[in-house]
Amino acid sequence: MDDLGVRAFAAARAMVGARFRPQGCDPATGLDCVGLVWAAYSIAGRVLERPRVYPLRGWSRVQVEAGLVHAGFVPVVGDGREGDVALIAYPAGQFHLGLIGLERLVHAHAGLQRVVETPIDDGLRDAGRWRLSSCPPRCDQSANWQVLLPLPQAGGEKISGAC
């Protein structure tokens, strides 16, 4: 059993009700979908590098997946586990992340303006799942996200740890 994933999912559930904030990565001031996943894993004991600036819309699947790989996640082959990251593709090229449990999804809902927990429906069962590898890249490396993921606007700064 992946204790880290279970702890991350429990941490995400504890953030249900936190307000939504674009680029937000702190439950006290607001979270978006990326911030929720990164905060949950940080609380669970794994601090991950995350991009400082990214659009809510407009990145391709390749860019989103490259960001997940850069942070140490790998695609799940086979059965999912509690704490996997769901990569959800919405119409018009929008992608969304959440932490998925056995029958529940925790995610930062822009429309409801808060972090919510919802049942997994048939559409979510087919979402791409990503799992933190047991040997992630070092969080203190001086990687530059702009090289990996060209941003639509200037400033591809990177941060390590909390934002």
Protein backbone atom coordinates (compact mmCIF):
# COMPACT_ATOMS: atom_id res chain seq x y z
CA MET A 1 0.00 0.00 0.00
CA ASP A 2 1.24 3.49 -0.85
CA ASP A 3 1.20 5.26 2.52
CA LEU A 4 2.30 8.55 0.95
CA GLY A 5 -0.67 8.54 -1.44
CA VAL A 6 -3.07 7.65 1.37
CA ARG A 7 -1.67 10.50 3.49
CA ALA A 8 -1.88 12.92 0.55
CA PHE A 9 -5.51 11.98 -0.09
CA ALA A 10 -6.33 12.45 3.62
CA ALA A 11 -4.57 15.85 3.53
CA ALA A 12 -6.60 16.86 0.46
CA ARG A 13 -9.83 15.82 2.20
CA ALA A 14 -8.85 18.00 5.16
CA MET A 15 -8.67 20.97 2.75
CA VAL A 16 -12.27 20.57 1.55
CA GLY A 17 -13.91 23.97 1.94
CA ALA A 18 -10.72 25.99 1.34
CA ARG A 19 -11.42 28.78 -1.11
CA PHE A 20 -10.42 28.62 -4.76
CA ARG A 21 -7.71 31.05 -5.88
CA PRO A 22 -5.97 30.94 -9.28
CA GLN A 23 -2.28 30.07 -8.76
CA GLY A 24 -3.12 29.45 -5.08
CA CYS A 25 -1.00 26.96 -3.19
CA ASP A 26 -1.83 27.65 0.46
CA PRO A 27 -5.04 26.33 2.04
CA ALA A 28 -5.18 29.42 4.26
CA THR A 29 -5.33 31.84 1.31
CA GLY A 30 -6.75 29.67 -1.48
CA LEU A 31 -5.89 26.83 -3.82
CA ASP A 32 -6.26 25.93 -7.44
CA CYS A 33 -6.05 22.36 -8.70
CA VAL A 34 -2.25 22.34 -8.97
CA GLY A 35 -1.87 24.01 -5.58
CA LEU A 36 -4.19 21.47 -3.96
CA VAL A 37 -2.19 18.48 -5.23
CA TRP A 38 1.16 20.02 -4.30
CA ALA A 39 -0.08 21.13 -0.85
CA ALA A 40 -1.55 17.68 -0.13
CA TYR A 41 1.73 15.94 -0.95
CA SER A 42 3.67 18.52 1.06
CA ILE A 43 1.49 17.89 4.11
CA ALA A 44 1.92 14.14 3.51
CA GLY A 45 5.69 14.55 3.69
CA ARG A 46 6.91 15.09 0.11
CA VAL A 47 7.66 18.66 -0.96
CA LEU A 48 7.51 18.92 -4.74
CA GLU A 49 8.70 21.56 -7.16
CA ARG A 50 5.80 23.30 -8.87
CA PRO A 51 5.55 25.96 -11.54
CA ARG A 52 5.00 29.46 -10.23
CA VAL A 53 3.06 30.69 -13.26
CA TYR A 54 0.80 28.59 -15.45
CA PRO A 55 -2.42 29.31 -17.30
CA LEU A 56 -5.77 27.95 -16.21
CA ARG A 57 -6.39 27.15 -19.87
CA GLY A 58 -4.21 26.78 -22.89
CA TRP A 59 -1.58 24.20 -22.01
CA SER A 60 -1.47 21.08 -24.10
CA ARG A 61 -1.66 17.62 -22.58
CA VAL A 62 2.06 17.25 -23.37
CA GLN A 63 2.88 20.32 -21.25
CA VAL A 64 0.71 19.20 -18.33
CA GLU A 65 2.14 15.69 -18.40
CA ALA A 66 5.70 17.05 -18.63
CA GLY A 67 5.00 19.08 -15.48
CA LEU A 68 3.78 15.97 -13.66
CA VAL A 69 6.85 14.00 -14.77
CA HIS A 70 9.13 16.86 -13.74
CA ALA A 71 7.61 16.78 -10.25
CA GLY A 72 8.20 13.03 -9.97
CA PHE A 73 4.85 11.55 -11.01
CA VAL A 74 4.56 8.59 -13.37
CA PRO A 75 1.53 7.36 -15.32
CA VAL A 76 -0.40 4.61 -13.55
CA VAL A 77 -0.63 1.34 -15.41
CA GLY A 78 -3.24 -1.00 -14.01
CA ASP A 79 -5.37 -0.43 -10.94
CA GLY A 80 -5.50 2.96 -9.33
CA ARG A 81 -4.79 3.62 -5.67
CA GLU A 82 -5.99 6.15 -3.17
CA GLY A 83 -3.94 9.31 -3.55
CA ASP A 84 -3.30 9.00 -7.28
CA VAL A 85 -3.52 12.27 -9.17
CA ALA A 86 -6.37 12.38 -11.67
CA LEU A 87 -5.62 14.25 -14.88
CA ILE A 88 -9.00 15.24 -16.26
CA ALA A 89 -9.37 16.56 -19.81
CA TYR A 90 -12.26 18.97 -20.27
CA PRO A 91 -13.59 20.26 -23.58
CA ALA A 92 -11.80 23.19 -25.20
CA GLY A 93 -8.38 21.92 -24.16
CA GLN A 94 -8.66 22.57 -20.44
CA PHE A 95 -7.00 20.15 -18.03
CA HIS A 96 -7.71 19.71 -14.36
CA LEU A 97 -6.01 17.86 -11.50
CA GLY A 98 -7.43 16.30 -8.37
CA LEU A 99 -6.60 13.61 -5.85
CA ILE A 100 -8.59 10.48 -6.35
CA GLY A 101 -9.61 7.94 -3.74
CA LEU A 102 -11.39 4.65 -4.12
CA GLU A 103 -14.78 6.26 -4.80
CA ARG A 104 -14.16 9.99 -4.27
CA LEU A 105 -12.34 12.88 -5.96
CA VAL A 106 -11.03 15.94 -4.11
CA HIS A 107 -10.36 18.95 -6.34
CA ALA A 108 -10.35 22.75 -6.39
CA HIS A 109 -13.58 23.68 -8.19
CA ALA A 110 -13.31 27.05 -9.94
CA GLY A 111 -17.07 27.34 -10.46
CA LEU A 112 -17.92 26.67 -6.81
CA GLN A 113 -14.92 28.75 -5.70
CA ARG A 114 -13.73 26.14 -3.18
CA VAL A 115 -12.14 22.73 -2.71
CA VAL A 116 -14.79 20.01 -2.92
CA GLU A 117 -15.09 16.25 -2.56
CA THR A 118 -17.32 14.50 -5.08
CA PRO A 119 -18.23 10.92 -5.97
CA ILE A 120 -16.36 9.41 -8.89
CA ASP A 121 -18.68 9.06 -11.86
CA ASP A 122 -18.09 6.95 -14.95
CA GLY A 123 -16.34 9.83 -16.74
CA LEU A 124 -13.82 10.22 -13.93
CA ARG A 125 -13.07 6.51 -13.84
CA ASP A 126 -11.44 6.97 -17.26
CA ALA A 127 -9.34 9.97 -16.20
CA GLY A 128 -5.60 9.56 -16.53
CA ARG A 129 -4.01 8.61 -13.22
CA TRP A 130 -0.55 9.60 -12.08
CA ARG A 131 1.34 8.37 -9.04
CA LEU A 132 4.35 9.84 -7.30
CA SER A 133 7.27 7.57 -8.02
CA SER A 134 9.15 6.05 -5.12
CA CYS A 135 12.26 7.87 -6.29
CA PRO A 136 11.29 11.41 -7.34
CA PRO A 137 13.72 14.00 -8.63
CA ARG A 138 15.41 16.06 -5.94
CA CYS A 139 13.19 18.94 -4.91
CA ASP A 140 16.13 21.33 -4.54
CA GLN A 141 17.46 20.99 -8.08
CA SER A 142 17.65 24.20 -10.05
CA ALA A 143 15.38 23.13 -12.84
CA ASN A 144 13.75 25.75 -14.99
CA TRP A 145 10.12 25.03 -15.84
CA GLN A 146 10.21 27.42 -18.75
CA VAL A 147 12.65 25.14 -20.55
CA LEU A 148 10.40 22.14 -19.95
CA LEU A 149 7.10 23.95 -20.30
CA PRO A 150 7.11 27.13 -22.38
CA LEU A 151 4.65 29.51 -20.77
CA PRO A 152 2.32 31.73 -22.76
CA GLN A 153 3.52 34.73 -20.75
CA ALA A 154 6.96 35.76 -19.58
CA GLY A 155 8.46 34.49 -16.35
CA GLY A 156 8.85 30.75 -16.10
CA GLU A 157 10.29 30.94 -12.59
CA LYS A 158 10.52 27.85 -10.50
CA ILE A 159 10.10 27.42 -6.82
CA SER A 160 10.91 24.59 -4.51
CA GLY A 161 8.72 23.74 -1.58
CA ALA A 162 6.00 26.09 -0.46
CA CYS A 163 5.07 29.04 -2.61
